[in-house]
């Protein structure tokens, strides 16, 4: 027997799950990737960074814990978007899922450098001077910051593919697809700018993604998908 067009859960259930998980990733991403590092890192001042890290150790660890929540949501969203978008093109939906999973994995490597910074100031490393350990902690956080930026292309491509599939779906608003695809392009452009022309790697390239994710979250929670059209395309 061939695969049934509908998955084990109704399309609207997947849509509602997507909306909730997208909201969680937005809040978790802001807290773990922007707010907490902003409270800890002092550019060019290793001693101040180390003091902040030591004085806000729980906040620092909470930032990492929240990232883990975000990563779990991203993995689940890879499956959910695949299920919602495979009626348009199974191959492209699967490719988008692969790019999404690779993106989450690579950012996880960057987060390893984030967490490693705490090892240099907790007294477990004895072979270096206090100033050297402070410098290592700041370097580790900078490697996290760079690592989170130089692999944005994977998340960007996943977003472009999903945006294209949403645009072509007929059961989701075309405007959401256009917005998500443009946001993905912003990630790709910033990634290559960061590698090839760092002076042009503005954070403004990332702004459309926040709007795209928020718009999708609200739509999925409030409206979901047109189940009849989704089933017909399956």
C-alpha atoms as a PDB file:
ATOM      1  CA  UNK A   1       0.000   0.000   0.000  1.00  0.00           C
ATOM      2  CA  UNK A   2       1.223   3.520  -0.730  1.00  0.00           C
ATOM      3  CA  UNK A   3       1.688   6.153   1.933  1.00  0.00           C
ATOM      4  CA  UNK A   4      -1.515   7.887   2.980  1.00  0.00           C
ATOM      5  CA  UNK A   5      -1.691  11.562   1.964  1.00  0.00           C
ATOM      6  CA  UNK A   6      -2.449  12.588   5.548  1.00  0.00           C
ATOM      7  CA  UNK A   7       0.062  11.919   8.296  1.00  0.00           C
ATOM      8  CA  UNK A   8      -0.866  10.323  11.614  1.00  0.00           C
ATOM      9  CA  UNK A   9      -1.964  13.725  12.954  1.00  0.00           C
ATOM     10  CA  UNK A  10      -4.336  16.166  11.204  1.00  0.00           C
ATOM     11  CA  UNK A  11      -2.784  19.039   9.276  1.00  0.00           C
ATOM     12  CA  UNK A  12      -4.253  21.571  11.697  1.00  0.00           C
ATOM     13  CA  UNK A  13      -2.582  19.813  14.613  1.00  0.00           C
ATOM     14  CA  UNK A  14       0.790  20.095  12.875  1.00  0.00           C
ATOM     15  CA  UNK A  15       0.074  23.750  12.121  1.00  0.00           C
ATOM     16  CA  UNK A  16      -0.772  24.516  15.740  1.00  0.00           C
ATOM     17  CA  UNK A  17       2.354  22.703  16.897  1.00  0.00           C
ATOM     18  CA  UNK A  18       4.413  24.710  14.412  1.00  0.00           C
ATOM     19  CA  UNK A  19       2.959  27.975  15.681  1.00  0.00           C
ATOM     20  CA  UNK A  20       3.672  27.158  19.308  1.00  0.00           C
ATOM     21  CA  UNK A  21       7.194  25.930  18.624  1.00  0.00           C
ATOM     22  CA  UNK A  22       7.983  28.994  16.501  1.00  0.00           C
ATOM     23  CA  UNK A  23       6.965  31.266  19.362  1.00  0.00           C
ATOM     24  CA  UNK A  24       9.168  29.292  21.765  1.00  0.00           C
ATOM     25  CA  UNK A  25      12.142  29.528  19.409  1.00  0.00           C
ATOM     26  CA  UNK A  26      11.677  33.299  19.112  1.00  0.00           C
ATOM     27  CA  UNK A  27      11.676  33.846  22.870  1.00  0.00           C
ATOM     28  CA  UNK A  28      14.458  31.310  23.483  1.00  0.00           C
ATOM     29  CA  UNK A  29      16.572  32.708  20.657  1.00  0.00           C
ATOM     30  CA  UNK A  30      16.299  36.258  21.960  1.00  0.00           C
ATOM     31  CA  UNK A  31      17.185  35.227  25.504  1.00  0.00           C
ATOM     32  CA  UNK A  32      19.902  32.681  24.791  1.00  0.00           C
ATOM     33  CA  UNK A  33      21.538  34.170  21.699  1.00  0.00           C
ATOM     34  CA  UNK A  34      21.166  37.925  22.237  1.00  0.00           C
ATOM     35  CA  UNK A  35      20.274  38.946  25.776  1.00  0.00           C
ATOM     36  CA  UNK A  36      22.548  36.682  27.824  1.00  0.00           C
ATOM     37  CA  UNK A  37      25.698  37.075  25.671  1.00  0.00           C
ATOM     38  CA  UNK A  38      25.053  40.813  25.679  1.00  0.00           C
ATOM     39  CA  UNK A  39      25.094  40.810  29.477  1.00  0.00           C
ATOM     40  CA  UNK A  40      28.310  38.772  29.640  1.00  0.00           C
ATOM     41  CA  UNK A  41      30.578  39.801  26.778  1.00  0.00           C
ATOM     42  CA  UNK A  42      32.544  43.050  26.871  1.00  0.00           C
ATOM     43  CA  UNK A  43      34.299  43.464  23.547  1.00  0.00           C
ATOM     44  CA  UNK A  44      38.049  43.813  23.951  1.00  0.00           C
ATOM     45  CA  UNK A  45      37.965  43.521  27.751  1.00  0.00           C
ATOM     46  CA  UNK A  46      38.758  39.991  28.882  1.00  0.00           C
ATOM     47  CA  UNK A  47      38.854  40.882  32.585  1.00  0.00           C
ATOM     48  CA  UNK A  48      35.407  42.516  32.529  1.00  0.00           C
ATOM     49  CA  UNK A  49      33.983  39.594  30.562  1.00  0.00           C
ATOM     50  CA  UNK A  50      35.398  37.132  33.085  1.00  0.00           C
ATOM     51  CA  UNK A  51      33.939  39.146  35.983  1.00  0.00           C
ATOM     52  CA  UNK A  52      30.533  39.181  34.334  1.00  0.00           C
ATOM     53  CA  UNK A  53      30.774  35.472  33.672  1.00  0.00           C
ATOM     54  CA  UNK A  54      31.723  34.688  37.262  1.00  0.00           C
ATOM     55  CA  UNK A  55      29.137  37.051  38.719  1.00  0.00           C
ATOM     56  CA  UNK A  56      26.299  35.878  36.477  1.00  0.00           C
ATOM     57  CA  UNK A  57      27.073  32.193  36.260  1.00  0.00           C
ATOM     58  CA  UNK A  58      23.462  31.091  36.662  1.00  0.00           C
ATOM     59  CA  UNK A  59      22.298  33.520  33.963  1.00  0.00           C
ATOM     60  CA  UNK A  60      25.082  32.247  31.718  1.00  0.00           C
ATOM     61  CA  UNK A  61      24.036  28.616  32.232  1.00  0.00           C
ATOM     62  CA  UNK A  62      20.372  29.510  31.845  1.00  0.00           C
ATOM     63  CA  UNK A  63      21.223  30.964  28.436  1.00  0.00           C
ATOM     64  CA  UNK A  64      22.684  27.629  27.385  1.00  0.00           C
ATOM     65  CA  UNK A  65      19.755  25.681  28.834  1.00  0.00           C
ATOM     66  CA  UNK A  66      17.309  27.862  26.904  1.00  0.00           C
ATOM     67  CA  UNK A  67      19.341  27.264  23.738  1.00  0.00           C
ATOM     68  CA  UNK A  68      18.848  23.512  24.258  1.00  0.00           C
ATOM     69  CA  UNK A  69      15.093  24.126  24.350  1.00  0.00           C
ATOM     70  CA  UNK A  70      15.366  26.141  21.141  1.00  0.00           C
ATOM     71  CA  UNK A  71      17.390  23.396  19.444  1.00  0.00           C
ATOM     72  CA  UNK A  72      14.851  20.732  20.409  1.00  0.00           C
ATOM     73  CA  UNK A  73      12.095  22.907  18.941  1.00  0.00           C
ATOM     74  CA  UNK A  74      14.097  23.428  15.727  1.00  0.00           C
ATOM     75  CA  UNK A  75      14.553  19.683  15.256  1.00  0.00           C
ATOM     76  CA  UNK A  76      10.833  19.111  15.759  1.00  0.00           C
ATOM     77  CA  UNK A  77      10.038  21.955  13.341  1.00  0.00           C
ATOM     78  CA  UNK A  78      12.154  20.262  10.665  1.00  0.00           C
ATOM     79  CA  UNK A  79       9.764  17.319  10.752  1.00  0.00           C
ATOM     80  CA  UNK A  80       6.615  19.433  11.061  1.00  0.00           C
ATOM     81  CA  UNK A  81       7.507  21.670   8.103  1.00  0.00           C
ATOM     82  CA  UNK A  82       8.309  18.562   6.084  1.00  0.00           C
ATOM     83  CA  UNK A  83       4.882  17.086   6.817  1.00  0.00           C
ATOM     84  CA  UNK A  84       3.079  20.354   6.095  1.00  0.00           C
ATOM     85  CA  UNK A  85       4.958  21.089   2.865  1.00  0.00           C
ATOM     86  CA  UNK A  86       5.595  17.674   1.316  1.00  0.00           C
ATOM     87  CA  UNK A  87       2.294  17.753  -0.654  1.00  0.00           C
ATOM     88  CA  UNK A  88       3.858  20.560  -2.723  1.00  0.00           C
ATOM     89  CA  UNK A  89       7.164  18.767  -3.336  1.00  0.00           C
ATOM     90  CA  UNK A  90       8.375  15.879  -1.230  1.00  0.00           C
ATOM     91  CA  UNK A  91      11.960  16.257  -2.438  1.00  0.00           C
ATOM     92  CA  UNK A  92      12.226  19.991  -1.735  1.00  0.00           C
ATOM     93  CA  UNK A  93      10.508  19.607   1.634  1.00  0.00           C
ATOM     94  CA  UNK A  94      12.982  16.887   2.580  1.00  0.00           C
ATOM     95  CA  UNK A  95      15.914  18.995   1.344  1.00  0.00           C
ATOM     96  CA  UNK A  96      14.704  21.905   3.477  1.00  0.00           C
ATOM     97  CA  UNK A  97      14.523  19.564   6.483  1.00  0.00           C
ATOM     98  CA  UNK A  98      18.109  18.444   5.866  1.00  0.00           C
ATOM     99  CA  UNK A  99      19.350  22.038   5.668  1.00  0.00           C
ATOM    100  CA  UNK A 100      17.443  22.870   8.838  1.00  0.00           C
ATOM    101  CA  UNK A 101      18.963  19.957  10.748  1.00  0.00           C
ATOM    102  CA  UNK A 102      22.481  20.794   9.535  1.00  0.00           C
ATOM    103  CA  UNK A 103      21.947  24.400  10.618  1.00  0.00           C
ATOM    104  CA  UNK A 104      20.862  23.327  14.104  1.00  0.00           C
ATOM    105  CA  UNK A 105      23.828  20.959  14.380  1.00  0.00           C
ATOM    106  CA  UNK A 106      26.380  23.569  13.334  1.00  0.00           C
ATOM    107  CA  UNK A 107      24.974  26.153  15.707  1.00  0.00           C
ATOM    108  CA  UNK A 108      25.230  23.504  18.408  1.00  0.00           C
ATOM    109  CA  UNK A 109      28.974  23.381  17.754  1.00  0.00           C
ATOM    110  CA  UNK A 110      29.118  27.158  18.172  1.00  0.00           C
ATOM    111  CA  UNK A 111      27.238  26.821  21.473  1.00  0.00           C
ATOM    112  CA  UNK A 112      29.953  24.439  22.653  1.00  0.00           C
ATOM    113  CA  UNK A 113      32.390  27.366  22.566  1.00  0.00           C
ATOM    114  CA  UNK A 114      29.851  29.452  24.474  1.00  0.00           C
ATOM    115  CA  UNK A 115      29.628  26.908  27.282  1.00  0.00           C
ATOM    116  CA  UNK A 116      33.387  26.230  27.237  1.00  0.00           C
ATOM    117  CA  UNK A 117      34.044  29.826  28.335  1.00  0.00           C
ATOM    118  CA  UNK A 118      32.866  28.929  31.847  1.00  0.00           C
ATOM    119  CA  UNK A 119      35.595  26.292  32.157  1.00  0.00           C
ATOM    120  CA  UNK A 120      38.289  28.969  32.075  1.00  0.00           C
ATOM    121  CA  UNK A 121      36.963  30.886  35.049  1.00  0.00           C
ATOM    122  CA  UNK A 122      35.696  28.124  37.361  1.00  0.00           C
ATOM    123  CA  UNK A 123      39.161  27.175  38.616  1.00  0.00           C
ATOM    124  CA  UNK A 124      39.332  23.812  36.861  1.00  0.00           C
ATOM    125  CA  UNK A 125      42.189  24.922  34.567  1.00  0.00           C
ATOM    126  CA  UNK A 126      45.445  25.437  36.503  1.00  0.00           C
ATOM    127  CA  UNK A 127      48.165  25.637  33.854  1.00  0.00           C
ATOM    128  CA  UNK A 128      47.693  29.304  32.907  1.00  0.00           C
ATOM    129  CA  UNK A 129      47.766  32.675  34.609  1.00  0.00           C
ATOM    130  CA  UNK A 130      44.608  34.498  35.653  1.00  0.00           C
ATOM    131  CA  UNK A 131      44.950  36.991  32.797  1.00  0.00           C
ATOM    132  CA  UNK A 132      45.475  34.212  30.278  1.00  0.00           C
ATOM    133  CA  UNK A 133      42.381  32.362  31.477  1.00  0.00           C
ATOM    134  CA  UNK A 134      40.346  35.556  31.185  1.00  0.00           C
ATOM    135  CA  UNK A 135      41.609  35.967  27.620  1.00  0.00           C
ATOM    136  CA  UNK A 136      40.739  32.361  26.788  1.00  0.00           C
ATOM    137  CA  UNK A 137      37.204  32.852  28.127  1.00  0.00           C
ATOM    138  CA  UNK A 138      36.692  35.939  25.957  1.00  0.00           C
ATOM    139  CA  UNK A 139      38.189  34.140  22.947  1.00  0.00           C
ATOM    140  CA  UNK A 140      35.833  31.222  23.472  1.00  0.00           C
ATOM    141  CA  UNK A 141      32.831  33.556  23.519  1.00  0.00           C
ATOM    142  CA  UNK A 142      34.082  35.309  20.386  1.00  0.00           C
ATOM    143  CA  UNK A 143      34.432  31.938  18.645  1.00  0.00           C
ATOM    144  CA  UNK A 144      30.820  31.250  19.600  1.00  0.00           C
ATOM    145  CA  UNK A 145      29.792  34.605  18.144  1.00  0.00           C
ATOM    146  CA  UNK A 146      31.668  34.013  14.888  1.00  0.00           C
ATOM    147  CA  UNK A 147      30.585  30.386  14.641  1.00  0.00           C
ATOM    148  CA  UNK A 148      26.955  31.398  14.959  1.00  0.00           C
ATOM    149  CA  UNK A 149      27.352  33.713  11.969  1.00  0.00           C
ATOM    150  CA  UNK A 150      29.520  31.921   9.436  1.00  0.00           C
ATOM    151  CA  UNK A 151      27.103  29.027   8.973  1.00  0.00           C
ATOM    152  CA  UNK A 152      23.866  31.014   8.623  1.00  0.00           C
ATOM    153  CA  UNK A 153      23.718  29.970   4.985  1.00  0.00           C
ATOM    154  CA  UNK A 154      22.236  26.596   5.935  1.00  0.00           C
ATOM    155  CA  UNK A 155      19.371  28.121   7.912  1.00  0.00           C
ATOM    156  CA  UNK A 156      18.912  30.677   5.151  1.00  0.00           C
ATOM    157  CA  UNK A 157      18.608  28.055   2.418  1.00  0.00           C
ATOM    158  CA  UNK A 158      16.155  26.037   4.519  1.00  0.00           C
ATOM    159  CA  UNK A 159      14.043  29.182   4.898  1.00  0.00           C
ATOM    160  CA  UNK A 160      14.196  29.989   1.183  1.00  0.00           C
ATOM    161  CA  UNK A 161      13.043  26.483   0.283  1.00  0.00           C
ATOM    162  CA  UNK A 162      10.224  26.559   2.828  1.00  0.00           C
ATOM    163  CA  UNK A 163       9.189  29.999   1.640  1.00  0.00           C
ATOM    164  CA  UNK A 164       9.051  28.751  -1.943  1.00  0.00           C
ATOM    165  CA  UNK A 165       6.956  25.739  -0.941  1.00  0.00           C
ATOM    166  CA  UNK A 166       4.582  27.898   1.126  1.00  0.00           C
ATOM    167  CA  UNK A 167       4.190  30.249  -1.856  1.00  0.00           C
ATOM    168  CA  UNK A 168       3.362  27.329  -4.150  1.00  0.00           C
ATOM    169  CA  UNK A 169       1.173  25.449  -1.664  1.00  0.00           C
ATOM    170  CA  UNK A 170      -2.239  27.034  -2.189  1.00  0.00           C
ATOM    171  CA  UNK A 171      -3.186  26.176   1.399  1.00  0.00           C
ATOM    172  CA  UNK A 172      -0.991  28.797   3.078  1.00  0.00           C
ATOM    173  CA  UNK A 173      -0.777  32.543   2.290  1.00  0.00           C
ATOM    174  CA  UNK A 174       1.652  33.417  -0.467  1.00  0.00           C
ATOM    175  CA  UNK A 175       2.720  36.489   1.508  1.00  0.00           C
ATOM    176  CA  UNK A 176       4.138  34.219   4.237  1.00  0.00           C
ATOM    177  CA  UNK A 177       6.174  32.363   1.646  1.00  0.00           C
ATOM    178  CA  UNK A 178       7.564  35.547   0.135  1.00  0.00           C
ATOM    179  CA  UNK A 179       8.441  36.957   3.554  1.00  0.00           C
ATOM    180  CA  UNK A 180      10.169  33.750   4.676  1.00  0.00           C
ATOM    181  CA  UNK A 181      12.130  33.432   1.424  1.00  0.00           C
ATOM    182  CA  UNK A 182      13.318  37.051   1.638  1.00  0.00           C
ATOM    183  CA  UNK A 183      14.310  36.518   5.278  1.00  0.00           C
ATOM    184  CA  UNK A 184      16.282  33.445   4.250  1.00  0.00           C
ATOM    185  CA  UNK A 185      18.066  35.460   1.573  1.00  0.00           C
ATOM    186  CA  UNK A 186      19.021  37.956   4.271  1.00  0.00           C
ATOM    187  CA  UNK A 187      20.700  35.162   6.235  1.00  0.00           C
ATOM    188  CA  UNK A 188      22.569  33.935   3.152  1.00  0.00           C
ATOM    189  CA  UNK A 189      23.731  37.439   2.208  1.00  0.00           C
ATOM    190  CA  UNK A 190      24.920  38.210   5.731  1.00  0.00           C
ATOM    191  CA  UNK A 191      26.753  34.892   5.909  1.00  0.00           C
ATOM    192  CA  UNK A 192      28.781  35.576   2.776  1.00  0.00           C
ATOM    193  CA  UNK A 193      29.275  39.214   3.751  1.00  0.00           C
ATOM    194  CA  UNK A 194      30.656  38.074   7.107  1.00  0.00           C
ATOM    195  CA  UNK A 195      33.117  35.781   5.322  1.00  0.00           C
ATOM    196  CA  UNK A 196      34.065  37.966   2.349  1.00  0.00           C
ATOM    197  CA  UNK A 197      33.377  41.558   3.442  1.00  0.00           C
ATOM    198  CA  UNK A 198      32.895  41.755   7.235  1.00  0.00           C
ATOM    199  CA  UNK A 199      32.395  45.517   7.172  1.00  0.00           C
ATOM    200  CA  UNK A 200      29.158  44.981   5.220  1.00  0.00           C
ATOM    201  CA  UNK A 201      27.787  42.201   7.454  1.00  0.00           C
ATOM    202  CA  UNK A 202      25.057  44.298   9.048  1.00  0.00           C
ATOM    203  CA  UNK A 203      22.609  42.784  11.526  1.00  0.00           C
ATOM    204  CA  UNK A 204      19.864  44.462   9.500  1.00  0.00           C
ATOM    205  CA  UNK A 205      20.026  41.471   7.166  1.00  0.00           C
ATOM    206  CA  UNK A 206      18.661  39.367  10.033  1.00  0.00           C
ATOM    207  CA  UNK A 207      15.693  41.600  10.924  1.00  0.00           C
ATOM    208  CA  UNK A 208      13.234  40.176   8.331  1.00  0.00           C
ATOM    209  CA  UNK A 209      13.549  36.714   9.887  1.00  0.00           C
ATOM    210  CA  UNK A 210      12.037  37.886  13.174  1.00  0.00           C
ATOM    211  CA  UNK A 211       9.060  39.301  11.278  1.00  0.00           C
ATOM    212  CA  UNK A 212       8.747  36.139   9.177  1.00  0.00           C
ATOM    213  CA  UNK A 213       8.839  33.781  12.172  1.00  0.00           C
ATOM    214  CA  UNK A 214       6.382  35.906  14.161  1.00  0.00           C
ATOM    215  CA  UNK A 215       4.018  36.136  11.189  1.00  0.00           C
ATOM    216  CA  UNK A 216       4.113  32.375  10.645  1.00  0.00           C
ATOM    217  CA  UNK A 217       3.594  31.680  14.342  1.00  0.00           C
ATOM    218  CA  UNK A 218       0.551  33.937  14.507  1.00  0.00           C
ATOM    219  CA  UNK A 219      -0.925  32.537  11.300  1.00  0.00           C
ATOM    220  CA  UNK A 220      -0.394  28.900  12.272  1.00  0.00           C
ATOM    221  CA  UNK A 221      -1.953  29.457  15.694  1.00  0.00           C
ATOM    222  CA  UNK A 222      -4.856  31.591  14.502  1.00  0.00           C
ATOM    223  CA  UNK A 223      -5.673  30.101  11.084  1.00  0.00           C
ATOM    224  CA  UNK A 224      -3.555  27.017  10.485  1.00  0.00           C
ATOM    225  CA  UNK A 225      -3.750  25.500   7.021  1.00  0.00           C
ATOM    226  CA  UNK A 226      -6.598  24.874   4.601  1.00  0.00           C
ATOM    227  CA  UNK A 227      -6.970  21.197   5.451  1.00  0.00           C
ATOM    228  CA  UNK A 228      -9.063  20.383   2.408  1.00  0.00           C
ATOM    229  CA  UNK A 229      -6.518  21.806  -0.029  1.00  0.00           C
ATOM    230  CA  UNK A 230      -3.637  20.236   1.933  1.00  0.00           C
ATOM    231  CA  UNK A 231      -5.289  16.825   1.748  1.00  0.00           C
ATOM    232  CA  UNK A 232      -6.133  17.246  -1.927  1.00  0.00           C
ATOM    233  CA  UNK A 233      -2.520  17.971  -2.802  1.00  0.00           C
ATOM    234  CA  UNK A 234      -1.346  14.971  -0.768  1.00  0.00           C
END
